[in-house]
Amino acid sequence: MNLYAPNIALFVISGCLAFVGVMASLPIELPIPGIVLENSALYIFLGWFLLSVGTVLPPRNAETAQPAAPDASSR
């Protein structure tokens, strides 16, 4: 199995989700509605899952992201 470095944006988002999950499991009140102790494990799992998916999927190359130019001989 090949592993790749995740996209930096995905890395930041998964870290934020895991941090919010850990903060929700602490006995403090967060000013964000819906982030409670019952959902904390879900946020931690989602952060871990996004990071693991980001390391398994190969990065997109610039060549494959752009559509191929039409060939003049194919007309």
C-alpha atoms as a PDB file:
ATOM      1  CA  MET A   1       0.000   0.000   0.000  1.00  0.00           C
ATOM      2  CA  ASN A   2       1.355   3.390  -0.986  1.00  0.00           C
ATOM      3  CA  LEU A   3       0.808   6.299   1.382  1.00  0.00           C
ATOM      4  CA  TYR A   4       0.982   9.927   0.328  1.00  0.00           C
ATOM      5  CA  ALA A   5       1.256  13.232   2.151  1.00  0.00           C
ATOM      6  CA  PRO A   6      -2.248  14.660   2.650  1.00  0.00           C
ATOM      7  CA  ASN A   7      -3.306  18.013   1.297  1.00  0.00           C
ATOM      8  CA  ILE A   8      -2.474  20.769   3.789  1.00  0.00           C
ATOM      9  CA  ALA A   9      -6.084  21.982   3.861  1.00  0.00           C
ATOM     10  CA  LEU A  10      -7.314  18.476   4.662  1.00  0.00           C
ATOM     11  CA  PHE A  11      -4.674  18.200   7.361  1.00  0.00           C
ATOM     12  CA  VAL A  12      -5.831  21.455   8.983  1.00  0.00           C
ATOM     13  CA  ILE A  13      -9.532  20.519   8.771  1.00  0.00           C
ATOM     14  CA  SER A  14      -8.966  17.087  10.310  1.00  0.00           C
ATOM     15  CA  GLY A  15      -6.862  18.625  13.080  1.00  0.00           C
ATOM     16  CA  CYS A  16      -9.601  21.153  13.843  1.00  0.00           C
ATOM     17  CA  LEU A  17     -12.237  18.410  13.968  1.00  0.00           C
ATOM     18  CA  ALA A  18     -10.126  16.333  16.341  1.00  0.00           C
ATOM     19  CA  PHE A  19      -9.405  19.386  18.523  1.00  0.00           C
ATOM     20  CA  VAL A  20     -13.111  20.267  18.724  1.00  0.00           C
ATOM     21  CA  GLY A  21     -13.877  16.657  19.642  1.00  0.00           C
ATOM     22  CA  VAL A  22     -11.338  16.681  22.446  1.00  0.00           C
ATOM     23  CA  MET A  23     -12.581  20.057  23.702  1.00  0.00           C
ATOM     24  CA  ALA A  24     -16.177  18.776  23.660  1.00  0.00           C
ATOM     25  CA  SER A  25     -15.230  15.808  25.829  1.00  0.00           C
ATOM     26  CA  LEU A  26     -13.773  18.054  28.538  1.00  0.00           C
ATOM     27  CA  PRO A  27     -16.101  19.269  31.318  1.00  0.00           C
ATOM     28  CA  ILE A  28     -16.237  22.841  29.984  1.00  0.00           C
ATOM     29  CA  GLU A  29     -19.020  24.491  28.063  1.00  0.00           C
ATOM     30  CA  LEU A  30     -18.293  25.483  24.493  1.00  0.00           C
ATOM     31  CA  PRO A  31     -20.230  28.423  23.029  1.00  0.00           C
ATOM     32  CA  ILE A  32     -21.010  26.383  19.892  1.00  0.00           C
ATOM     33  CA  PRO A  33     -24.464  24.750  19.920  1.00  0.00           C
ATOM     34  CA  GLY A  34     -24.543  21.048  19.114  1.00  0.00           C
ATOM     35  CA  ILE A  35     -21.008  20.270  20.247  1.00  0.00           C
ATOM     36  CA  VAL A  36     -21.667  18.244  23.353  1.00  0.00           C
ATOM     37  CA  LEU A  37     -20.119  15.250  25.105  1.00  0.00           C
ATOM     38  CA  GLU A  38     -22.306  12.804  23.173  1.00  0.00           C
ATOM     39  CA  ASN A  39     -20.869  13.998  19.818  1.00  0.00           C
ATOM     40  CA  SER A  40     -17.216  14.273  20.834  1.00  0.00           C
ATOM     41  CA  ALA A  41     -16.240  10.784  19.678  1.00  0.00           C
ATOM     42  CA  LEU A  42     -17.836  11.452  16.303  1.00  0.00           C
ATOM     43  CA  TYR A  43     -15.760  14.593  15.746  1.00  0.00           C
ATOM     44  CA  ILE A  44     -12.549  12.803  16.733  1.00  0.00           C
ATOM     45  CA  PHE A  45     -13.400   9.888  14.423  1.00  0.00           C
ATOM     46  CA  LEU A  46     -14.229  12.201  11.507  1.00  0.00           C
ATOM     47  CA  GLY A  47     -10.891  13.995  11.901  1.00  0.00           C
ATOM     48  CA  TRP A  48      -9.014  10.702  11.954  1.00  0.00           C
ATOM     49  CA  PHE A  49     -11.020   9.328   9.006  1.00  0.00           C
ATOM     50  CA  LEU A  50     -10.402  12.393   6.812  1.00  0.00           C
ATOM     51  CA  LEU A  51      -6.691  12.284   7.540  1.00  0.00           C
ATOM     52  CA  SER A  52      -6.457   8.554   6.791  1.00  0.00           C
ATOM     53  CA  VAL A  53      -8.372   8.922   3.520  1.00  0.00           C
ATOM     54  CA  GLY A  54      -6.115  11.821   2.551  1.00  0.00           C
ATOM     55  CA  THR A  55      -3.017   9.659   3.014  1.00  0.00           C
ATOM     56  CA  VAL A  56      -4.376   6.724   0.976  1.00  0.00           C
ATOM     57  CA  LEU A  57      -5.657   8.621  -2.064  1.00  0.00           C
ATOM     58  CA  PRO A  58      -2.959   9.602  -4.566  1.00  0.00           C
ATOM     59  CA  PRO A  59      -2.513  13.318  -5.288  1.00  0.00           C
ATOM     60  CA  ARG A  60      -3.947  14.714  -8.469  1.00  0.00           C
ATOM     61  CA  ASN A  61      -1.360  15.731 -11.038  1.00  0.00           C
ATOM     62  CA  ALA A  62      -1.683  18.970 -12.946  1.00  0.00           C
ATOM     63  CA  GLU A  63      -1.785  16.993 -16.206  1.00  0.00           C
ATOM     64  CA  THR A  64      -4.695  14.808 -15.150  1.00  0.00           C
ATOM     65  CA  ALA A  65      -6.653  17.700 -13.634  1.00  0.00           C
ATOM     66  CA  GLN A  66      -6.705  19.647 -16.930  1.00  0.00           C
ATOM     67  CA  PRO A  67      -8.740  18.301 -19.847  1.00  0.00           C
ATOM     68  CA  ALA A  68      -6.715  17.238 -22.846  1.00  0.00           C
ATOM     69  CA  ALA A  69      -6.477  19.722 -25.704  1.00  0.00           C
ATOM     70  CA  PRO A  70      -8.411  18.659 -28.797  1.00  0.00           C
ATOM     71  CA  ASP A  71      -6.201  17.098 -31.420  1.00  0.00           C
ATOM     72  CA  ALA A  72      -6.244  18.743 -34.863  1.00  0.00           C
ATOM     73  CA  SER A  73      -5.939  15.370 -36.645  1.00  0.00           C
ATOM     74  CA  SER A  74      -9.142  14.033 -35.050  1.00  0.00           C
ATOM     75  CA  ARG A  75     -11.366  16.475 -37.009  1.00  0.00           C
END
